[in-house]
Amino acid sequence: MRLPFQIVGSAQGVKTTGETKNVSSAGVSFTSKAPVAVGDPIEYVITFPKPPGSRNEVRLRCVGKVLREDDQLAFAATLERYEFQRQPA
């Protein structure tokens, strides 16, 4: 599932964008335009397409921890806490 992905906070102050590769109830694998450190806590946002008939995007704001680096600028993180946010179009 490829969706827009944004790191909005990290232990090292990294703020960057990327794309999800896989999303589950336990975590997410993603690409990033900047490196993040394995073991660091991060706060990230996944943006879902607009539901049919809606004018608002749905964003999932999450808190987790970087588990591993899969490839250069490809990572996996836990999904420990989340909240849905509706954003105006």
PDB file of N, CA and C in Angstrom:
ATOM      1  N   MET A   1       0.861  -1.168   0.000  1.00  0.00           N
ATOM      2  CA  MET A   1       0.000   0.000   0.000  1.00  0.00           C
ATOM      3  C   MET A   1       0.909   1.234   0.000  1.00  0.00           C
ATOM      4  N   ARG A   2       0.940   1.950  -1.070  1.00  0.00           N
ATOM      5  CA  ARG A   2       1.790   3.133  -1.200  1.00  0.00           C
ATOM      6  C   ARG A   2       0.960   4.381  -0.920  1.00  0.00           C
ATOM      7  N   LEU A   3       1.291   5.021   0.195  1.00  0.00           N
ATOM      8  CA  LEU A   3       0.584   6.228   0.624  1.00  0.00           C
ATOM      9  C   LEU A   3       1.599   7.282   1.029  1.00  0.00           C
ATOM     10  N   PRO A   4       1.244   8.567   0.933  1.00  0.00           N
ATOM     11  CA  PRO A   4       2.146   9.619   1.398  1.00  0.00           C
ATOM     12  C   PRO A   4       2.453   9.443   2.884  1.00  0.00           C
ATOM     13  N   PHE A   5       3.723   9.604   3.231  1.00  0.00           N
ATOM     14  CA  PHE A   5       4.222   9.384   4.584  1.00  0.00           C
ATOM     15  C   PHE A   5       5.071  10.586   4.974  1.00  0.00           C
ATOM     16  N   GLN A   6       4.876  11.060   6.193  1.00  0.00           N
ATOM     17  CA  GLN A   6       5.635  12.226   6.656  1.00  0.00           C
ATOM     18  C   GLN A   6       6.083  12.002   8.094  1.00  0.00           C
ATOM     19  N   ILE A   7       7.370  12.171   8.351  1.00  0.00           N
ATOM     20  CA  ILE A   7       7.873  12.157   9.722  1.00  0.00           C
ATOM     21  C   ILE A   7       7.785  13.594  10.219  1.00  0.00           C
ATOM     22  N   VAL A   8       7.008  13.796  11.281  1.00  0.00           N
ATOM     23  CA  VAL A   8       6.795  15.144  11.820  1.00  0.00           C
ATOM     24  C   VAL A   8       7.577  15.386  13.104  1.00  0.00           C
ATOM     25  N   GLY A   9       8.211  14.342  13.618  1.00  0.00           N
ATOM     26  CA  GLY A   9       9.028  14.509  14.817  1.00  0.00           C
ATOM     27  C   GLY A   9       9.857  13.260  15.062  1.00  0.00           C
ATOM     28  N   SER A  10      11.077  13.478  15.558  1.00  0.00           N
ATOM     29  CA  SER A  10      11.949  12.357  15.902  1.00  0.00           C
ATOM     30  C   SER A  10      12.911  12.804  16.990  1.00  0.00           C
ATOM     31  N   ALA A  11      13.578  11.844  17.599  1.00  0.00           N
ATOM     32  CA  ALA A  11      14.528  12.152  18.669  1.00  0.00           C
ATOM     33  C   ALA A  11      15.665  13.034  18.166  1.00  0.00           C
ATOM     34  N   GLN A  12      16.019  12.905  16.898  1.00  0.00           N
ATOM     35  CA  GLN A  12      17.122  13.683  16.339  1.00  0.00           C
ATOM     36  C   GLN A  12      16.641  14.900  15.546  1.00  0.00           C
ATOM     37  N   GLY A  13      15.351  15.193  15.621  1.00  0.00           N
ATOM     38  CA  GLY A  13      14.818  16.374  14.948  1.00  0.00           C
ATOM     39  C   GLY A  13      14.579  16.208  13.457  1.00  0.00           C
ATOM     40  N   VAL A  14      14.622  14.982  12.962  1.00  0.00           N
ATOM     41  CA  VAL A  14      14.394  14.740  11.538  1.00  0.00           C
ATOM     42  C   VAL A  14      12.931  14.993  11.202  1.00  0.00           C
ATOM     43  N   LYS A  15      12.691  15.784  10.164  1.00  0.00           N
ATOM     44  CA  LYS A  15      11.355  15.987   9.595  1.00  0.00           C
ATOM     45  C   LYS A  15      11.518  15.800   8.105  1.00  0.00           C
ATOM     46  N   THR A  16      10.813  14.824   7.559  1.00  0.00           N
ATOM     47  CA  THR A  16      10.993  14.485   6.147  1.00  0.00           C
ATOM     48  C   THR A  16       9.742  13.808   5.606  1.00  0.00           C
ATOM     49  N   THR A  17       9.743  13.550   4.320  1.00  0.00           N
ATOM     50  CA  THR A  17       8.617  12.884   3.673  1.00  0.00           C
ATOM     51  C   THR A  17       9.092  11.591   3.019  1.00  0.00           C
ATOM     52  N   GLY A  18       8.130  10.790   2.612  1.00  0.00           N
ATOM     53  CA  GLY A  18       8.421   9.539   1.937  1.00  0.00           C
ATOM     54  C   GLY A  18       7.131   8.881   1.511  1.00  0.00           C
ATOM     55  N   GLU A  19       7.149   7.545   1.491  1.00  0.00           N
ATOM     56  CA  GLU A  19       5.992   6.784   1.035  1.00  0.00           C
ATOM     57  C   GLU A  19       5.948   5.462   1.801  1.00  0.00           C
ATOM     58  N   THR A  20       4.745   5.039   2.147  1.00  0.00           N
ATOM     59  CA  THR A  20       4.624   3.734   2.807  1.00  0.00           C
ATOM     60  C   THR A  20       4.872   2.631   1.783  1.00  0.00           C
ATOM     61  N   LYS A  21       5.396   1.515   2.270  1.00  0.00           N
ATOM     62  CA  LYS A  21       5.556   0.319   1.448  1.00  0.00           C
ATOM     63  C   LYS A  21       4.557  -0.737   1.895  1.00  0.00           C
ATOM     64  N   ASN A  22       4.291  -0.765   3.222  1.00  0.00           N
ATOM     65  CA  ASN A  22       3.382  -1.733   3.811  1.00  0.00           C
ATOM     66  C   ASN A  22       2.879  -1.164   5.127  1.00  0.00           C
ATOM     67  N   VAL A  23       1.590  -1.337   5.406  1.00  0.00           N
ATOM     68  CA  VAL A  23       0.993  -0.833   6.643  1.00  0.00           C
ATOM     69  C   VAL A  23       0.217  -1.967   7.298  1.00  0.00           C
ATOM     70  N   SER A  24       0.404  -2.142   8.616  1.00  0.00           N
ATOM     71  CA  SER A  24      -0.373  -3.142   9.355  1.00  0.00           C
ATOM     72  C   SER A  24      -0.756  -2.547  10.700  1.00  0.00           C
ATOM     73  N   SER A  25      -1.498  -3.300  11.479  1.00  0.00           N
ATOM     74  CA  SER A  25      -1.900  -2.806  12.803  1.00  0.00           C
ATOM     75  C   SER A  25      -0.716  -2.727  13.760  1.00  0.00           C
ATOM     76  N   ALA A  26       0.377  -3.385  13.453  1.00  0.00           N
ATOM     77  CA  ALA A  26       1.553  -3.389  14.328  1.00  0.00           C
ATOM     78  C   ALA A  26       2.613  -2.375  13.917  1.00  0.00           C
ATOM     79  N   GLY A  27       2.581  -1.935  12.639  1.00  0.00           N
ATOM     80  CA  GLY A  27       3.621  -1.015  12.215  1.00  0.00           C
ATOM     81  C   GLY A  27       3.555  -0.688  10.744  1.00  0.00           C
ATOM     82  N   VAL A  28       4.642  -0.078  10.267  1.00  0.00           N
ATOM     83  CA  VAL A  28       4.698   0.400   8.898  1.00  0.00           C
ATOM     84  C   VAL A  28       6.123   0.246   8.368  1.00  0.00           C
ATOM     85  N   SER A  29       6.230  -0.100   7.090  1.00  0.00           N
ATOM     86  CA  SER A  29       7.520   0.005   6.420  1.00  0.00           C
ATOM     87  C   SER A  29       7.373   1.163   5.436  1.00  0.00           C
ATOM     88  N   PHE A  30       8.466   1.926   5.287  1.00  0.00           N
ATOM     89  CA  PHE A  30       8.371   3.161   4.524  1.00  0.00           C
ATOM     90  C   PHE A  30       9.719   3.553   3.933  1.00  0.00           C
ATOM     91  N   THR A  31       9.649   4.404   2.911  1.00  0.00           N
ATOM     92  CA  THR A  31      10.839   5.046   2.381  1.00  0.00           C
ATOM     93  C   THR A  31      10.877   6.456   2.944  1.00  0.00           C
ATOM     94  N   SER A  32      12.064   7.024   2.971  1.00  0.00           N
ATOM     95  CA  SER A  32      12.248   8.357   3.536  1.00  0.00           C
ATOM     96  C   SER A  32      13.281   9.112   2.720  1.00  0.00           C
ATOM     97  N   LYS A  33      13.107  10.413   2.581  1.00  0.00           N
ATOM     98  CA  LYS A  33      14.082  11.222   1.858  1.00  0.00           C
ATOM     99  C   LYS A  33      15.310  11.533   2.713  1.00  0.00           C
ATOM    100  N   ALA A  34      15.226  11.253   4.008  1.00  0.00           N
ATOM    101  CA  ALA A  34      16.347  11.476   4.926  1.00  0.00           C
ATOM    102  C   ALA A  34      16.449  10.281   5.865  1.00  0.00           C
ATOM    103  N   PRO A  35      17.642   9.955   6.326  1.00  0.00           N
ATOM    104  CA  PRO A  35      17.789   8.809   7.227  1.00  0.00           C
ATOM    105  C   PRO A  35      17.210   9.084   8.613  1.00  0.00           C
ATOM    106  N   VAL A  36      16.729   8.026   9.251  1.00  0.00           N
ATOM    107  CA  VAL A  36      16.298   8.075  10.649  1.00  0.00           C
ATOM    108  C   VAL A  36      17.058   6.965  11.388  1.00  0.00           C
ATOM    109  N   ALA A  37      17.329   7.182  12.657  1.00  0.00           N
ATOM    110  CA  ALA A  37      18.148   6.248  13.421  1.00  0.00           C
ATOM    111  C   ALA A  37      17.310   5.106  13.980  1.00  0.00           C
ATOM    112  N   VAL A  38      17.813   3.888  13.814  1.00  0.00           N
ATOM    113  CA  VAL A  38      17.166   2.710  14.389  1.00  0.00           C
ATOM    114  C   VAL A  38      17.149   2.866  15.902  1.00  0.00           C
ATOM    115  N   GLY A  39      15.989   2.594  16.504  1.00  0.00           N
ATOM    116  CA  GLY A  39      15.806   2.729  17.945  1.00  0.00           C
ATOM    117  C   GLY A  39      15.193   4.046  18.371  1.00  0.00           C
ATOM    118  N   ASP A  40      15.196   5.042  17.475  1.00  0.00           N
ATOM    119  CA  ASP A  40      14.637   6.352  17.818  1.00  0.00           C
ATOM    120  C   ASP A  40      13.111   6.342  17.806  1.00  0.00           C
ATOM    121  N   PRO A  41      12.496   7.045  18.752  1.00  0.00           N
ATOM    122  CA  PRO A  41      11.048   7.251  18.678  1.00  0.00           C
ATOM    123  C   PRO A  41      10.752   8.257  17.569  1.00  0.00           C
ATOM    124  N   ILE A  42       9.646   8.044  16.848  1.00  0.00           N
ATOM    125  CA  ILE A  42       9.239   8.979  15.800  1.00  0.00           C
ATOM    126  C   ILE A  42       7.741   9.218  15.883  1.00  0.00           C
ATOM    127  N   GLU A  43       7.349  10.358  15.368  1.00  0.00           N
ATOM    128  CA  GLU A  43       5.936  10.670  15.170  1.00  0.00           C
ATOM    129  C   GLU A  43       5.760  10.842  13.667  1.00  0.00           C
ATOM    130  N   TYR A  44       4.766  10.147  13.104  1.00  0.00           N
ATOM    131  CA  TYR A  44       4.594  10.179  11.664  1.00  0.00           C
ATOM    132  C   TYR A  44       3.126  10.261  11.285  1.00  0.00           C
ATOM    133  N   VAL A  45       2.895  10.707  10.047  1.00  0.00           N
ATOM    134  CA  VAL A  45       1.538  10.876   9.523  1.00  0.00           C
ATOM    135  C   VAL A  45       1.440  10.141   8.194  1.00  0.00           C
ATOM    136  N   ILE A  46       0.387   9.340   8.059  1.00  0.00           N
ATOM    137  CA  ILE A  46       0.071   8.652   6.809  1.00  0.00           C
ATOM    138  C   ILE A  46      -1.207   9.283   6.275  1.00  0.00           C
ATOM    139  N   THR A  47      -1.181   9.709   5.010  1.00  0.00           N
ATOM    140  CA  THR A  47      -2.347  10.355   4.406  1.00  0.00           C
ATOM    141  C   THR A  47      -3.061   9.370   3.484  1.00  0.00           C
ATOM    142  N   PHE A  48      -4.338   9.158   3.758  1.00  0.00           N
ATOM    143  CA  PHE A  48      -5.171   8.257   2.956  1.00  0.00           C
ATOM    144  C   PHE A  48      -5.915   9.049   1.884  1.00  0.00           C
ATOM    145  N   PRO A  49      -6.264   8.399   0.777  1.00  0.00           N
ATOM    146  CA  PRO A  49      -7.060   9.086  -0.246  1.00  0.00           C
ATOM    147  C   PRO A  49      -8.407   9.532   0.335  1.00  0.00           C
ATOM    148  N   LYS A  50      -8.974  10.540  -0.295  1.00  0.00           N
ATOM    149  CA  LYS A  50     -10.294  11.012   0.129  1.00  0.00           C
ATOM    150  C   LYS A  50     -11.317   9.899  -0.059  1.00  0.00           C
ATOM    151  N   PRO A  51     -12.149   9.646   0.951  1.00  0.00           N
ATOM    152  CA  PRO A  51     -13.225   8.661   0.770  1.00  0.00           C
ATOM    153  C   PRO A  51     -14.204   9.161  -0.295  1.00  0.00           C
ATOM    154  N   PRO A  52     -14.873   8.250  -0.997  1.00  0.00           N
ATOM    155  CA  PRO A  52     -15.860   8.675  -1.999  1.00  0.00           C
ATOM    156  C   PRO A  52     -16.897   9.616  -1.387  1.00  0.00           C
ATOM    157  N   GLY A  53     -17.146  10.711  -2.081  1.00  0.00           N
ATOM    158  CA  GLY A  53     -18.144  11.672  -1.632  1.00  0.00           C
ATOM    159  C   GLY A  53     -17.654  12.636  -0.569  1.00  0.00           C
ATOM    160  N   SER A  54     -16.388  12.548  -0.188  1.00  0.00           N
ATOM    161  CA  SER A  54     -15.845  13.420   0.853  1.00  0.00           C
ATOM    162  C   SER A  54     -14.955  14.495   0.241  1.00  0.00           C
ATOM    163  N   ARG A  55     -14.884  15.628   0.912  1.00  0.00           N
ATOM    164  CA  ARG A  55     -13.973  16.698   0.494  1.00  0.00           C
ATOM    165  C   ARG A  55     -12.740  16.752   1.383  1.00  0.00           C
ATOM    166  N   ASN A  56     -12.679  15.856   2.370  1.00  0.00           N
ATOM    167  CA  ASN A  56     -11.581  15.902   3.332  1.00  0.00           C
ATOM    168  C   ASN A  56     -10.657  14.697   3.201  1.00  0.00           C
ATOM    169  N   GLU A  57      -9.354  14.962   3.336  1.00  0.00           N
ATOM    170  CA  GLU A  57      -8.389  13.877   3.427  1.00  0.00           C
ATOM    171  C   GLU A  57      -8.467  13.281   4.826  1.00  0.00           C
ATOM    172  N   VAL A  58      -8.115  12.034   4.946  1.00  0.00           N
ATOM    173  CA  VAL A  58      -8.022  11.383   6.246  1.00  0.00           C
ATOM    174  C   VAL A  58      -6.545  11.102   6.506  1.00  0.00           C
ATOM    175  N   ARG A  59      -6.078  11.581   7.643  1.00  0.00           N
ATOM    176  CA  ARG A  59      -4.675  11.387   8.016  1.00  0.00           C
ATOM    177  C   ARG A  59      -4.613  10.572   9.304  1.00  0.00           C
ATOM    178  N   LEU A  60      -3.666   9.674   9.360  1.00  0.00           N
ATOM    179  CA  LEU A  60      -3.437   8.851  10.538  1.00  0.00           C
ATOM    180  C   LEU A  60      -2.139   9.335  11.179  1.00  0.00           C
ATOM    181  N   ARG A  61      -2.255   9.963  12.336  1.00  0.00           N
ATOM    182  CA  ARG A  61      -1.087  10.476  13.063  1.00  0.00           C
ATOM    183  C   ARG A  61      -0.667   9.406  14.064  1.00  0.00           C
ATOM    184  N   CYS A  62       0.597   8.983  13.995  1.00  0.00           N
ATOM    185  CA  CYS A  62       1.069   7.825  14.761  1.00  0.00           C
ATOM    186  C   CYS A  62       2.337   8.154  15.558  1.00  0.00           C
ATOM    187  N   VAL A  63       2.524   7.384  16.607  1.00  0.00           N
ATOM    188  CA  VAL A  63       3.756   7.418  17.386  1.00  0.00           C
ATOM    189  C   VAL A  63       4.303   5.993  17.389  1.00  0.00           C
ATOM    190  N   GLY A  64       5.597   5.867  17.170  1.00  0.00           N
ATOM    191  CA  GLY A  64       6.221   4.550  17.166  1.00  0.00           C
ATOM    192  C   GLY A  64       7.719   4.656  17.352  1.00  0.00           C
ATOM    193  N   LYS A  65       8.389   3.567  17.048  1.00  0.00           N
ATOM    194  CA  LYS A  65       9.840   3.513  17.189  1.00  0.00           C
ATOM    195  C   LYS A  65      10.419   2.844  15.952  1.00  0.00           C
ATOM    196  N   VAL A  66      11.529   3.379  15.434  1.00  0.00           N
ATOM    197  CA  VAL A  66      12.180   2.807  14.263  1.00  0.00           C
ATOM    198  C   VAL A  66      12.795   1.475  14.658  1.00  0.00           C
ATOM    199  N   LEU A  67      12.381   0.407  13.978  1.00  0.00           N
ATOM    200  CA  LEU A  67      12.850  -0.944  14.291  1.00  0.00           C
ATOM    201  C   LEU A  67      14.081  -1.355  13.504  1.00  0.00           C
ATOM    202  N   ARG A  68      14.090  -0.993  12.221  1.00  0.00           N
ATOM    203  CA  ARG A  68      15.202  -1.438  11.388  1.00  0.00           C
ATOM    204  C   ARG A  68      15.303  -0.581  10.136  1.00  0.00           C
ATOM    205  N   GLU A  69      16.469  -0.681   9.512  1.00  0.00           N
ATOM    206  CA  GLU A  69      16.687  -0.086   8.201  1.00  0.00           C
ATOM    207  C   GLU A  69      16.746  -1.244   7.224  1.00  0.00           C
ATOM    208  N   ASP A  70      15.828  -1.287   6.259  1.00  0.00           N
ATOM    209  CA  ASP A  70      15.750  -2.398   5.314  1.00  0.00           C
ATOM    210  C   ASP A  70      16.717  -2.223   4.151  1.00  0.00           C
ATOM    211  N   ASP A  71      16.771  -1.066   3.605  1.00  0.00           N
ATOM    212  CA  ASP A  71      17.634  -0.691   2.485  1.00  0.00           C
ATOM    213  C   ASP A  71      18.057   0.743   2.738  1.00  0.00           C
ATOM    214  N   GLN A  72      18.805   1.282   1.804  1.00  0.00           N
ATOM    215  CA  GLN A  72      19.153   2.691   1.918  1.00  0.00           C
ATOM    216  C   GLN A  72      17.866   3.518   1.864  1.00  0.00           C
ATOM    217  N   LEU A  73      17.608   4.246   2.936  1.00  0.00           N
ATOM    218  CA  LEU A  73      16.433   5.111   3.081  1.00  0.00           C
ATOM    219  C   LEU A  73      15.106   4.357   3.030  1.00  0.00           C
ATOM    220  N   ALA A  74      15.108   3.086   3.463  1.00  0.00           N
ATOM    221  CA  ALA A  74      13.887   2.296   3.647  1.00  0.00           C
ATOM    222  C   ALA A  74      13.923   1.738   5.068  1.00  0.00           C
ATOM    223  N   PHE A  75      12.827   1.936   5.810  1.00  0.00           N
ATOM    224  CA  PHE A  75      12.816   1.644   7.236  1.00  0.00           C
ATOM    225  C   PHE A  75      11.531   0.935   7.638  1.00  0.00           C
ATOM    226  N   ALA A  76      11.513   0.426   8.867  1.00  0.00           N
ATOM    227  CA  ALA A  76      10.303  -0.131   9.466  1.00  0.00           C
ATOM    228  C   ALA A  76      10.168   0.473  10.860  1.00  0.00           C
ATOM    229  N   ALA A  77       8.926   0.760  11.257  1.00  0.00           N
ATOM    230  CA  ALA A  77       8.662   1.347  12.574  1.00  0.00           C
ATOM    231  C   ALA A  77       7.408   0.725  13.168  1.00  0.00           C
ATOM    232  N   THR A  78       7.337   0.734  14.489  1.00  0.00           N
ATOM    233  CA  THR A  78       6.148   0.256  15.180  1.00  0.00           C
ATOM    234  C   THR A  78       5.039   1.285  15.081  1.00  0.00           C
ATOM    235  N   LEU A  79       3.826   0.851  15.367  1.00  0.00           N
ATOM    236  CA  LEU A  79       2.672   1.737  15.482  1.00  0.00           C
ATOM    237  C   LEU A  79       2.138   1.510  16.901  1.00  0.00           C
ATOM    238  N   GLU A  80       2.556   2.382  17.821  1.00  0.00           N
ATOM    239  CA  GLU A  80       2.217   2.197  19.234  1.00  0.00           C
ATOM    240  C   GLU A  80       0.969   2.974  19.663  1.00  0.00           C
ATOM    241  N   ARG A  81       0.761   4.113  19.033  1.00  0.00           N
ATOM    242  CA  ARG A  81      -0.397   4.952  19.364  1.00  0.00           C
ATOM    243  C   ARG A  81      -0.783   5.706  18.102  1.00  0.00           C
ATOM    244  N   TYR A  82      -2.085   5.935  17.903  1.00  0.00           N
ATOM    245  CA  TYR A  82      -2.513   6.645  16.685  1.00  0.00           C
ATOM    246  C   TYR A  82      -3.808   7.403  16.935  1.00  0.00           C
ATOM    247  N   GLU A  83      -4.076   8.349  16.042  1.00  0.00           N
ATOM    248  CA  GLU A  83      -5.363   9.037  16.017  1.00  0.00           C
ATOM    249  C   GLU A  83      -5.644   9.448  14.573  1.00  0.00           C
ATOM    250  N   PHE A  84      -6.912   9.388  14.198  1.00  0.00           N
ATOM    251  CA  PHE A  84      -7.321   9.824  12.872  1.00  0.00           C
ATOM    252  C   PHE A  84      -7.605  11.319  12.919  1.00  0.00           C
ATOM    253  N   GLN A  85      -7.208  12.005  11.848  1.00  0.00           N
ATOM    254  CA  GLN A  85      -7.455  13.433  11.716  1.00  0.00           C
ATOM    255  C   GLN A  85      -8.036  13.702  10.334  1.00  0.00           C
ATOM    256  N   ARG A  86      -9.099  14.481  10.284  1.00  0.00           N
ATOM    257  CA  ARG A  86      -9.651  14.888   8.994  1.00  0.00           C
ATOM    258  C   ARG A  86      -9.109  16.269   8.671  1.00  0.00           C
ATOM    259  N   GLN A  87      -8.587  16.401   7.446  1.00  0.00           N
ATOM    260  CA  GLN A  87      -8.004  17.664   7.001  1.00  0.00           C
ATOM    261  C   GLN A  87      -8.879  18.260   5.912  1.00  0.00           C
ATOM    262  N   PRO A  88      -9.116  19.565   5.975  1.00  0.00           N
ATOM    263  CA  PRO A  88      -9.874  20.214   4.898  1.00  0.00           C
ATOM    264  C   PRO A  88      -9.169  20.049   3.564  1.00  0.00           C
ATOM    265  N   ALA A  89      -9.959  19.968   2.523  1.00  0.00           N
ATOM    266  CA  ALA A  89      -9.395  19.805   1.167  1.00  0.00           C
ATOM    267  C   ALA A  89      -8.630  21.028   0.742  1.00  0.00           C
TER     268      ALA A  89
END
